[in-house]
Each structure stands twice: as C-alpha cells, then as structure tokens.
C-alpha cells in the first residue's frame, strides 16, 4: 500500500504578503552541518525563523511531543547553538 502525501490543513494556503522592510525579517540562519536529525533541524529552523520560542510554542507549531522536544533542545544547547532565556529557547548570537 502506498501512502500519498497530503498537505496539512493547518498550513496557510497562500504566502503572506510582506513589504520590503518585513522581508528582511525572513532571513534564516543556515542549518549547521553538525545537525543530522530531521527533528533537530526542524526545531533549529523554527527558532531561526521565529527568533525563539517556548516548548509549548514549538509543540503546537511543529506537532512534536513535549517529551521529544526537551532532548532536542538540550542537544542544541549542548552544541552552543541555542541558549535558554527563562522559558524561551533562542538561537545563540553568531
């Protein structure tokens, strides 16, 4: 049996319109070569785009379980790519 990909209905159906100044905020940090797991890359990209987030925000936005997020975030912190600021996780400044 072949499973077909179906678009997640929670995703927006169109690209948001941005003015020239807002487009600069969409710059995303390149994913470091040290990240090999798809979950770790996904969390890193989310934090890069959103400029940080809480475990609850990550869970809701990415559909990942909380029990999965903590080891991923700990790994990113251990690599020095992310730091914890109270309840938020933020990319380390380059």
PDB file of N, CA and C in Angstrom:
ATOM      1  N   UNK A   1       0.828  -1.171   0.000  1.00  0.00           N
ATOM      2  CA  UNK A   1       0.000   0.000   0.000  1.00  0.00           C
ATOM      3  C   UNK A   1       0.883   1.248   0.000  1.00  0.00           C
ATOM      4  N   UNK A   2       0.607   2.180  -0.876  1.00  0.00           N
ATOM      5  CA  UNK A   2       1.370   3.411  -0.991  1.00  0.00           C
ATOM      6  C   UNK A   2       0.613   4.526  -0.280  1.00  0.00           C
ATOM      7  N   UNK A   3       1.315   5.235   0.592  1.00  0.00           N
ATOM      8  CA  UNK A   3       0.705   6.352   1.295  1.00  0.00           C
ATOM      9  C   UNK A   3       1.023   7.628   0.540  1.00  0.00           C
ATOM     10  N   UNK A   4       0.009   8.356   0.179  1.00  0.00           N
ATOM     11  CA  UNK A   4       0.191   9.607  -0.546  1.00  0.00           C
ATOM     12  C   UNK A   4       0.352  10.747   0.448  1.00  0.00           C
ATOM     13  N   UNK A   5       1.169  11.712   0.089  1.00  0.00           N
ATOM     14  CA  UNK A   5       1.344  12.899   0.913  1.00  0.00           C
ATOM     15  C   UNK A   5       0.116  13.784   0.797  1.00  0.00           C
ATOM     16  N   UNK A   6      -0.382  14.236   1.931  1.00  0.00           N
ATOM     17  CA  UNK A   6      -1.477  15.204   1.923  1.00  0.00           C
ATOM     18  C   UNK A   6      -1.037  16.429   2.702  1.00  0.00           C
ATOM     19  N   UNK A   7      -1.355  17.580   2.178  1.00  0.00           N
ATOM     20  CA  UNK A   7      -0.978  18.848   2.807  1.00  0.00           C
ATOM     21  C   UNK A   7      -1.683  18.988   4.155  1.00  0.00           C
ATOM     22  N   UNK A   8      -0.961  19.450   5.133  1.00  0.00           N
ATOM     23  CA  UNK A   8      -1.538  19.676   6.456  1.00  0.00           C
ATOM     24  C   UNK A   8      -2.536  20.822   6.354  1.00  0.00           C
ATOM     25  N   UNK A   9      -3.803  20.603   6.718  1.00  0.00           N
ATOM     26  CA  UNK A   9      -4.806  21.656   6.581  1.00  0.00           C
ATOM     27  C   UNK A   9      -4.561  22.850   7.503  1.00  0.00           C
ATOM     28  N   UNK A  10      -3.682  22.698   8.490  1.00  0.00           N
ATOM     29  CA  UNK A  10      -3.377  23.818   9.390  1.00  0.00           C
ATOM     30  C   UNK A  10      -2.441  24.833   8.749  1.00  0.00           C
ATOM     31  N   UNK A  11      -1.789  24.440   7.645  1.00  0.00           N
ATOM     32  CA  UNK A  11      -0.857  25.347   6.979  1.00  0.00           C
ATOM     33  C   UNK A  11      -1.620  26.398   6.189  1.00  0.00           C
ATOM     34  N   UNK A  12      -1.090  27.619   6.127  1.00  0.00           N
ATOM     35  CA  UNK A  12      -1.774  28.642   5.338  1.00  0.00           C
ATOM     36  C   UNK A  12      -1.768  28.259   3.861  1.00  0.00           C
ATOM     37  N   UNK A  13      -2.832  28.633   3.171  1.00  0.00           N
ATOM     38  CA  UNK A  13      -2.952  28.245   1.765  1.00  0.00           C
ATOM     39  C   UNK A  13      -2.201  29.171   0.836  1.00  0.00           C
ATOM     40  N   UNK A  14      -1.759  30.300   1.322  1.00  0.00           N
ATOM     41  CA  UNK A  14      -1.014  31.223   0.469  1.00  0.00           C
ATOM     42  C   UNK A  14       0.138  31.829   1.250  1.00  0.00           C
ATOM     43  N   UNK A  15       1.097  32.350   0.514  1.00  0.00           N
ATOM     44  CA  UNK A  15       2.241  33.004   1.123  1.00  0.00           C
ATOM     45  C   UNK A  15       1.819  34.365   1.642  1.00  0.00           C
ATOM     46  N   UNK A  16       2.182  34.709   2.871  1.00  0.00           N
ATOM     47  CA  UNK A  16       1.789  36.026   3.378  1.00  0.00           C
ATOM     48  C   UNK A  16       2.452  37.137   2.584  1.00  0.00           C
ATOM     49  N   UNK A  17       1.740  38.222   2.377  1.00  0.00           N
ATOM     50  CA  UNK A  17       2.323  39.350   1.660  1.00  0.00           C
ATOM     51  C   UNK A  17       3.110  40.208   2.639  1.00  0.00           C
ATOM     52  N   UNK A  18       4.285  40.609   2.220  1.00  0.00           N
ATOM     53  CA  UNK A  18       5.175  41.386   3.073  1.00  0.00           C
ATOM     54  C   UNK A  18       5.657  42.610   2.324  1.00  0.00           C
ATOM     55  N   UNK A  19       5.881  43.694   3.062  1.00  0.00           N
ATOM     56  CA  UNK A  19       6.509  44.833   2.405  1.00  0.00           C
ATOM     57  C   UNK A  19       8.015  44.632   2.441  1.00  0.00           C
ATOM     58  N   UNK A  20       8.767  45.522   1.806  1.00  0.00           N
ATOM     59  CA  UNK A  20      10.221  45.349   1.678  1.00  0.00           C
ATOM     60  C   UNK A  20      10.929  45.266   3.024  1.00  0.00           C
ATOM     61  N   UNK A  21      10.492  46.050   4.010  1.00  0.00           N
ATOM     62  CA  UNK A  21      11.140  46.020   5.326  1.00  0.00           C
ATOM     63  C   UNK A  21      10.877  44.713   6.051  1.00  0.00           C
ATOM     64  N   UNK A  22       9.688  44.167   5.938  1.00  0.00           N
ATOM     65  CA  UNK A  22       9.358  42.920   6.619  1.00  0.00           C
ATOM     66  C   UNK A  22      10.099  41.741   6.011  1.00  0.00           C
ATOM     67  N   UNK A  23      10.403  41.780   4.736  1.00  0.00           N
ATOM     68  CA  UNK A  23      11.082  40.669   4.088  1.00  0.00           C
ATOM     69  C   UNK A  23      12.458  40.423   4.687  1.00  0.00           C
ATOM     70  N   UNK A  24      13.090  41.454   5.201  1.00  0.00           N
ATOM     71  CA  UNK A  24      14.394  41.271   5.832  1.00  0.00           C
ATOM     72  C   UNK A  24      14.312  40.386   7.060  1.00  0.00           C
ATOM     73  N   UNK A  25      13.163  40.347   7.724  1.00  0.00           N
ATOM     74  CA  UNK A  25      12.994  39.505   8.897  1.00  0.00           C
ATOM     75  C   UNK A  25      12.911  38.023   8.546  1.00  0.00           C
ATOM     76  N   UNK A  26      12.756  37.694   7.272  1.00  0.00           N
ATOM     77  CA  UNK A  26      12.615  36.306   6.858  1.00  0.00           C
ATOM     78  C   UNK A  26      13.957  35.636   6.591  1.00  0.00           C
ATOM     79  N   UNK A  27      15.057  36.330   6.833  1.00  0.00           N
ATOM     80  CA  UNK A  27      16.360  35.713   6.651  1.00  0.00           C
ATOM     81  C   UNK A  27      16.514  34.599   7.680  1.00  0.00           C
ATOM     82  N   UNK A  28      16.908  33.448   7.232  1.00  0.00           N
ATOM     83  CA  UNK A  28      17.014  32.272   8.098  1.00  0.00           C
ATOM     84  C   UNK A  28      18.472  31.860   8.169  1.00  0.00           C
ATOM     85  N   UNK A  29      18.903  31.539   9.378  1.00  0.00           N
ATOM     86  CA  UNK A  29      20.266  31.053   9.563  1.00  0.00           C
ATOM     87  C   UNK A  29      20.424  29.713   8.836  1.00  0.00           C
ATOM     88  N   UNK A  30      21.545  29.489   8.152  1.00  0.00           N
ATOM     89  CA  UNK A  30      21.753  28.181   7.530  1.00  0.00           C
ATOM     90  C   UNK A  30      21.831  27.090   8.599  1.00  0.00           C
ATOM     91  N   UNK A  31      21.339  25.929   8.265  1.00  0.00           N
ATOM     92  CA  UNK A  31      21.368  24.811   9.218  1.00  0.00           C
ATOM     93  C   UNK A  31      22.806  24.302   9.323  1.00  0.00           C
ATOM     94  N   UNK A  32      23.352  24.267  10.539  1.00  0.00           N
ATOM     95  CA  UNK A  32      24.729  23.782  10.705  1.00  0.00           C
ATOM     96  C   UNK A  32      24.873  22.319  10.271  1.00  0.00           C
ATOM     97  N   UNK A  33      26.020  21.993   9.736  1.00  0.00           N
ATOM     98  CA  UNK A  33      26.302  20.627   9.290  1.00  0.00           C
ATOM     99  C   UNK A  33      26.286  19.631  10.440  1.00  0.00           C
ATOM    100  N   UNK A  34      26.478  20.103  11.668  1.00  0.00           N
ATOM    101  CA  UNK A  34      26.504  19.201  12.826  1.00  0.00           C
ATOM    102  C   UNK A  34      25.123  18.643  13.156  1.00  0.00           C
ATOM    103  N   UNK A  35      24.071  19.238  12.600  1.00  0.00           N
ATOM    104  CA  UNK A  35      22.714  18.749  12.868  1.00  0.00           C
ATOM    105  C   UNK A  35      22.360  17.686  11.839  1.00  0.00           C
ATOM    106  N   UNK A  36      22.138  16.478  12.317  1.00  0.00           N
ATOM    107  CA  UNK A  36      21.857  15.376  11.395  1.00  0.00           C
ATOM    108  C   UNK A  36      20.426  14.876  11.479  1.00  0.00           C
ATOM    109  N   UNK A  37      19.776  15.041  12.611  1.00  0.00           N
ATOM    110  CA  UNK A  37      18.417  14.532  12.757  1.00  0.00           C
ATOM    111  C   UNK A  37      17.420  15.532  12.176  1.00  0.00           C
ATOM    112  N   UNK A  38      16.393  15.014  11.539  1.00  0.00           N
ATOM    113  CA  UNK A  38      15.380  15.885  10.947  1.00  0.00           C
ATOM    114  C   UNK A  38      14.641  16.675  12.026  1.00  0.00           C
ATOM    115  N   UNK A  39      14.432  16.082  13.189  1.00  0.00           N
ATOM    116  CA  UNK A  39      13.749  16.791  14.277  1.00  0.00           C
ATOM    117  C   UNK A  39      14.589  17.963  14.778  1.00  0.00           C
ATOM    118  N   UNK A  40      15.878  17.745  14.914  1.00  0.00           N
ATOM    119  CA  UNK A  40      16.768  18.807  15.381  1.00  0.00           C
ATOM    120  C   UNK A  40      16.829  19.934  14.360  1.00  0.00           C
ATOM    121  N   UNK A  41      16.903  19.584  13.083  1.00  0.00           N
ATOM    122  CA  UNK A  41      16.908  20.609  12.032  1.00  0.00           C
ATOM    123  C   UNK A  41      15.608  21.396  12.036  1.00  0.00           C
ATOM    124  N   UNK A  42      14.490  20.724  12.220  1.00  0.00           N
ATOM    125  CA  UNK A  42      13.188  21.382  12.231  1.00  0.00           C
ATOM    126  C   UNK A  42      13.087  22.376  13.384  1.00  0.00           C
ATOM    127  N   UNK A  43      13.506  21.964  14.571  1.00  0.00           N
ATOM    128  CA  UNK A  43      13.463  22.853  15.733  1.00  0.00           C
ATOM    129  C   UNK A  43      14.403  24.035  15.510  1.00  0.00           C
ATOM    130  N   UNK A  44      15.585  23.780  14.987  1.00  0.00           N
ATOM    131  CA  UNK A  44      16.550  24.851  14.714  1.00  0.00           C
ATOM    132  C   UNK A  44      15.965  25.865  13.731  1.00  0.00           C
ATOM    133  N   UNK A  45      15.364  25.380  12.658  1.00  0.00           N
ATOM    134  CA  UNK A  45      14.770  26.282  11.672  1.00  0.00           C
ATOM    135  C   UNK A  45      13.620  27.088  12.267  1.00  0.00           C
ATOM    136  N   UNK A  46      12.795  26.449  13.076  1.00  0.00           N
ATOM    137  CA  UNK A  46      11.702  27.168  13.722  1.00  0.00           C
ATOM    138  C   UNK A  46      12.260  28.303  14.580  1.00  0.00           C
ATOM    139  N   UNK A  47      13.255  27.993  15.400  1.00  0.00           N
ATOM    140  CA  UNK A  47      13.843  29.013  16.265  1.00  0.00           C
ATOM    141  C   UNK A  47      14.512  30.109  15.449  1.00  0.00           C
ATOM    142  N   UNK A  48      15.077  29.745  14.314  1.00  0.00           N
ATOM    143  CA  UNK A  48      15.709  30.727  13.444  1.00  0.00           C
ATOM    144  C   UNK A  48      14.682  31.676  12.841  1.00  0.00           C
ATOM    145  N   UNK A  49      13.581  31.134  12.384  1.00  0.00           N
ATOM    146  CA  UNK A  49      12.544  31.952  11.757  1.00  0.00           C
ATOM    147  C   UNK A  49      11.804  32.792  12.785  1.00  0.00           C
ATOM    148  N   UNK A  50      11.440  32.182  13.901  1.00  0.00           N
ATOM    149  CA  UNK A  50      10.634  32.873  14.919  1.00  0.00           C
ATOM    150  C   UNK A  50      11.487  33.655  15.916  1.00  0.00           C
ATOM    151  N   UNK A  51      12.792  33.532  15.822  1.00  0.00           N
ATOM    152  CA  UNK A  51      13.722  34.196  16.733  1.00  0.00           C
ATOM    153  C   UNK A  51      13.545  33.753  18.176  1.00  0.00           C
ATOM    154  N   UNK A  52      13.091  32.507  18.338  1.00  0.00           N
ATOM    155  CA  UNK A  52      12.962  31.926  19.666  1.00  0.00           C
ATOM    156  C   UNK A  52      11.577  31.353  19.880  1.00  0.00           C
ATOM    157  N   UNK A  53      11.434  30.623  20.977  1.00  0.00           N
ATOM    158  CA  UNK A  53      10.131  30.062  21.291  1.00  0.00           C
ATOM    159  C   UNK A  53      10.170  29.242  22.563  1.00  0.00           C
ATOM    160  N   UNK A  54       8.990  29.024  23.124  1.00  0.00           N
ATOM    161  CA  UNK A  54       8.849  28.177  24.298  1.00  0.00           C
ATOM    162  C   UNK A  54       8.594  26.744  23.848  1.00  0.00           C
ATOM    163  N   UNK A  55       8.694  25.823  24.774  1.00  0.00           N
ATOM    164  CA  UNK A  55       8.410  24.419  24.467  1.00  0.00           C
ATOM    165  C   UNK A  55       6.964  24.290  23.974  1.00  0.00           C
ATOM    166  N   UNK A  56       6.068  25.019  24.611  1.00  0.00           N
ATOM    167  CA  UNK A  56       4.654  24.956  24.220  1.00  0.00           C
ATOM    168  C   UNK A  56       4.448  25.478  22.796  1.00  0.00           C
ATOM    169  N   UNK A  57       5.118  26.572  22.452  1.00  0.00           N
ATOM    170  CA  UNK A  57       5.015  27.113  21.091  1.00  0.00           C
ATOM    171  C   UNK A  57       5.571  26.126  20.068  1.00  0.00           C
ATOM    172  N   UNK A  58       6.712  25.534  20.381  1.00  0.00           N
ATOM    173  CA  UNK A  58       7.307  24.538  19.486  1.00  0.00           C
ATOM    174  C   UNK A  58       6.384  23.336  19.332  1.00  0.00           C
ATOM    175  N   UNK A  59       5.856  22.855  20.435  1.00  0.00           N
ATOM    176  CA  UNK A  59       4.952  21.696  20.408  1.00  0.00           C
ATOM    177  C   UNK A  59       3.750  21.973  19.520  1.00  0.00           C
ATOM    178  N   UNK A  60       3.115  23.124  19.726  1.00  0.00           N
ATOM    179  CA  UNK A  60       1.914  23.455  18.972  1.00  0.00           C
ATOM    180  C   UNK A  60       2.205  23.705  17.491  1.00  0.00           C
ATOM    181  N   UNK A  61       3.289  24.409  17.206  1.00  0.00           N
ATOM    182  CA  UNK A  61       3.605  24.764  15.825  1.00  0.00           C
ATOM    183  C   UNK A  61       4.135  23.580  15.014  1.00  0.00           C
ATOM    184  N   UNK A  62       4.933  22.720  15.655  1.00  0.00           N
ATOM    185  CA  UNK A  62       5.600  21.641  14.928  1.00  0.00           C
ATOM    186  C   UNK A  62       4.916  20.294  15.073  1.00  0.00           C
ATOM    187  N   UNK A  63       3.959  20.207  15.998  1.00  0.00           N
ATOM    188  CA  UNK A  63       3.265  18.942  16.199  1.00  0.00           C
ATOM    189  C   UNK A  63       4.141  17.870  16.825  1.00  0.00           C
ATOM    190  N   UNK A  64       5.169  18.293  17.553  1.00  0.00           N
ATOM    191  CA  UNK A  64       6.060  17.348  18.224  1.00  0.00           C
ATOM    192  C   UNK A  64       5.631  17.202  19.677  1.00  0.00           C
ATOM    193  N   UNK A  65       5.884  16.048  20.239  1.00  0.00           N
ATOM    194  CA  UNK A  65       5.559  15.812  21.641  1.00  0.00           C
ATOM    195  C   UNK A  65       6.571  16.520  22.533  1.00  0.00           C
ATOM    196  N   UNK A  66       6.093  16.969  23.676  1.00  0.00           N
ATOM    197  CA  UNK A  66       6.955  17.653  24.639  1.00  0.00           C
ATOM    198  C   UNK A  66       8.121  16.762  25.052  1.00  0.00           C
ATOM    199  N   UNK A  67       7.849  15.492  25.247  1.00  0.00           N
ATOM    200  CA  UNK A  67       8.900  14.552  25.664  1.00  0.00           C
ATOM    201  C   UNK A  67       9.989  14.405  24.598  1.00  0.00           C
ATOM    202  N   UNK A  68       9.661  14.695  23.358  1.00  0.00           N
ATOM    203  CA  UNK A  68      10.634  14.667  22.263  1.00  0.00           C
ATOM    204  C   UNK A  68      11.399  15.980  22.182  1.00  0.00           C
ATOM    205  N   UNK A  69      10.727  17.084  22.472  1.00  0.00           N
ATOM    206  CA  UNK A  69      11.348  18.400  22.329  1.00  0.00           C
ATOM    207  C   UNK A  69      12.475  18.642  23.328  1.00  0.00           C
ATOM    208  N   UNK A  70      12.304  18.211  24.567  1.00  0.00           N
ATOM    209  CA  UNK A  70      13.331  18.502  25.575  1.00  0.00           C
ATOM    210  C   UNK A  70      14.714  17.944  25.203  1.00  0.00           C
ATOM    211  N   UNK A  71      14.841  16.692  24.778  1.00  0.00           N
ATOM    212  CA  UNK A  71      16.179  16.212  24.386  1.00  0.00           C
ATOM    213  C   UNK A  71      16.731  16.951  23.163  1.00  0.00           C
ATOM    214  N   UNK A  72      15.860  17.312  22.220  1.00  0.00           N
ATOM    215  CA  UNK A  72      16.305  18.052  21.037  1.00  0.00           C
ATOM    216  C   UNK A  72      16.842  19.416  21.459  1.00  0.00           C
ATOM    217  N   UNK A  73      16.099  20.109  22.311  1.00  0.00           N
ATOM    218  CA  UNK A  73      16.539  21.420  22.782  1.00  0.00           C
ATOM    219  C   UNK A  73      17.814  21.315  23.621  1.00  0.00           C
ATOM    220  N   UNK A  74      17.902  20.295  24.470  1.00  0.00           N
ATOM    221  CA  UNK A  74      19.120  20.079  25.258  1.00  0.00           C
ATOM    222  C   UNK A  74      20.324  19.854  24.352  1.00  0.00           C
ATOM    223  N   UNK A  75      20.122  19.113  23.262  1.00  0.00           N
ATOM    224  CA  UNK A  75      21.197  18.861  22.301  1.00  0.00           C
ATOM    225  C   UNK A  75      21.645  20.169  21.648  1.00  0.00           C
ATOM    226  N   UNK A  76      20.684  21.000  21.233  1.00  0.00           N
ATOM    227  CA  UNK A  76      21.023  22.285  20.610  1.00  0.00           C
ATOM    228  C   UNK A  76      21.741  23.206  21.593  1.00  0.00           C
ATOM    229  N   UNK A  77      21.325  23.176  22.856  1.00  0.00           N
ATOM    230  CA  UNK A  77      22.002  23.964  23.890  1.00  0.00           C
ATOM    231  C   UNK A  77      23.423  23.432  24.089  1.00  0.00           C
ATOM    232  N   UNK A  78      23.566  22.111  24.152  1.00  0.00           N
ATOM    233  CA  UNK A  78      24.877  21.493  24.335  1.00  0.00           C
ATOM    234  C   UNK A  78      25.844  21.803  23.213  1.00  0.00           C
ATOM    235  N   UNK A  79      25.324  21.968  21.999  1.00  0.00           N
ATOM    236  CA  UNK A  79      26.166  22.325  20.856  1.00  0.00           C
ATOM    237  C   UNK A  79      26.499  23.816  20.827  1.00  0.00           C
ATOM    238  N   UNK A  80      25.883  24.583  21.724  1.00  0.00           N
ATOM    239  CA  UNK A  80      26.128  26.018  21.756  1.00  0.00           C
ATOM    240  C   UNK A  80      25.381  26.790  20.687  1.00  0.00           C
ATOM    241  N   UNK A  81      24.380  26.167  20.064  1.00  0.00           N
ATOM    242  CA  UNK A  81      23.614  26.826  19.013  1.00  0.00           C
ATOM    243  C   UNK A  81      22.413  27.588  19.557  1.00  0.00           C
ATOM    244  N   UNK A  82      21.948  27.166  20.728  1.00  0.00           N
ATOM    245  CA  UNK A  82      20.745  27.732  21.332  1.00  0.00           C
ATOM    246  C   UNK A  82      21.037  27.978  22.809  1.00  0.00           C
ATOM    247  N   UNK A  83      20.421  29.004  23.363  1.00  0.00           N
ATOM    248  CA  UNK A  83      20.504  29.193  24.815  1.00  0.00           C
ATOM    249  C   UNK A  83      19.097  29.364  25.363  1.00  0.00           C
ATOM    250  N   UNK A  84      18.984  29.076  26.637  1.00  0.00           N
ATOM    251  CA  UNK A  84      17.687  29.178  27.295  1.00  0.00           C
ATOM    252  C   UNK A  84      17.613  30.503  28.034  1.00  0.00           C
ATOM    253  N   UNK A  85      16.522  31.228  27.812  1.00  0.00           N
ATOM    254  CA  UNK A  85      16.278  32.512  28.455  1.00  0.00           C
ATOM    255  C   UNK A  85      14.936  32.404  29.163  1.00  0.00           C
ATOM    256  N   UNK A  86      14.968  32.063  30.457  1.00  0.00           N
ATOM    257  CA  UNK A  86      13.766  31.733  31.238  1.00  0.00           C
ATOM    258  C   UNK A  86      13.064  30.546  30.572  1.00  0.00           C
ATOM    259  N   UNK A  87      11.850  30.733  30.080  1.00  0.00           N
ATOM    260  CA  UNK A  87      11.129  29.602  29.456  1.00  0.00           C
ATOM    261  C   UNK A  87      11.264  29.592  27.941  1.00  0.00           C
ATOM    262  N   UNK A  88      12.057  30.497  27.376  1.00  0.00           N
ATOM    263  CA  UNK A  88      12.230  30.584  25.925  1.00  0.00           C
ATOM    264  C   UNK A  88      13.587  30.027  25.503  1.00  0.00           C
ATOM    265  N   UNK A  89      13.607  29.445  24.333  1.00  0.00           N
ATOM    266  CA  UNK A  89      14.843  28.991  23.722  1.00  0.00           C
ATOM    267  C   UNK A  89      15.129  29.912  22.546  1.00  0.00           C
ATOM    268  N   UNK A  90      16.379  30.411  22.473  1.00  0.00           N
ATOM    269  CA  UNK A  90      16.749  31.421  21.487  1.00  0.00           C
ATOM    270  C   UNK A  90      18.069  30.995  20.844  1.00  0.00           C
ATOM    271  N   UNK A  91      18.202  31.256  19.535  1.00  0.00           N
ATOM    272  CA  UNK A  91      19.469  30.969  18.867  1.00  0.00           C
ATOM    273  C   UNK A  91      20.571  31.813  19.476  1.00  0.00           C
ATOM    274  N   UNK A  92      21.751  31.219  19.605  1.00  0.00           N
ATOM    275  CA  UNK A  92      22.919  31.963  20.085  1.00  0.00           C
ATOM    276  C   UNK A  92      23.301  32.985  19.032  1.00  0.00           C
ATOM    277  N   UNK A  93      23.691  34.155  19.470  1.00  0.00           N
ATOM    278  CA  UNK A  93      24.183  35.174  18.543  1.00  0.00           C
ATOM    279  C   UNK A  93      25.488  34.692  17.915  1.00  0.00           C
ATOM    280  N   UNK A  94      25.591  34.913  16.620  1.00  0.00           N
ATOM    281  CA  UNK A  94      26.797  34.460  15.896  1.00  0.00           C
ATOM    282  C   UNK A  94      27.992  35.324  16.210  1.00  0.00           C
TER     283      UNK A  94
END
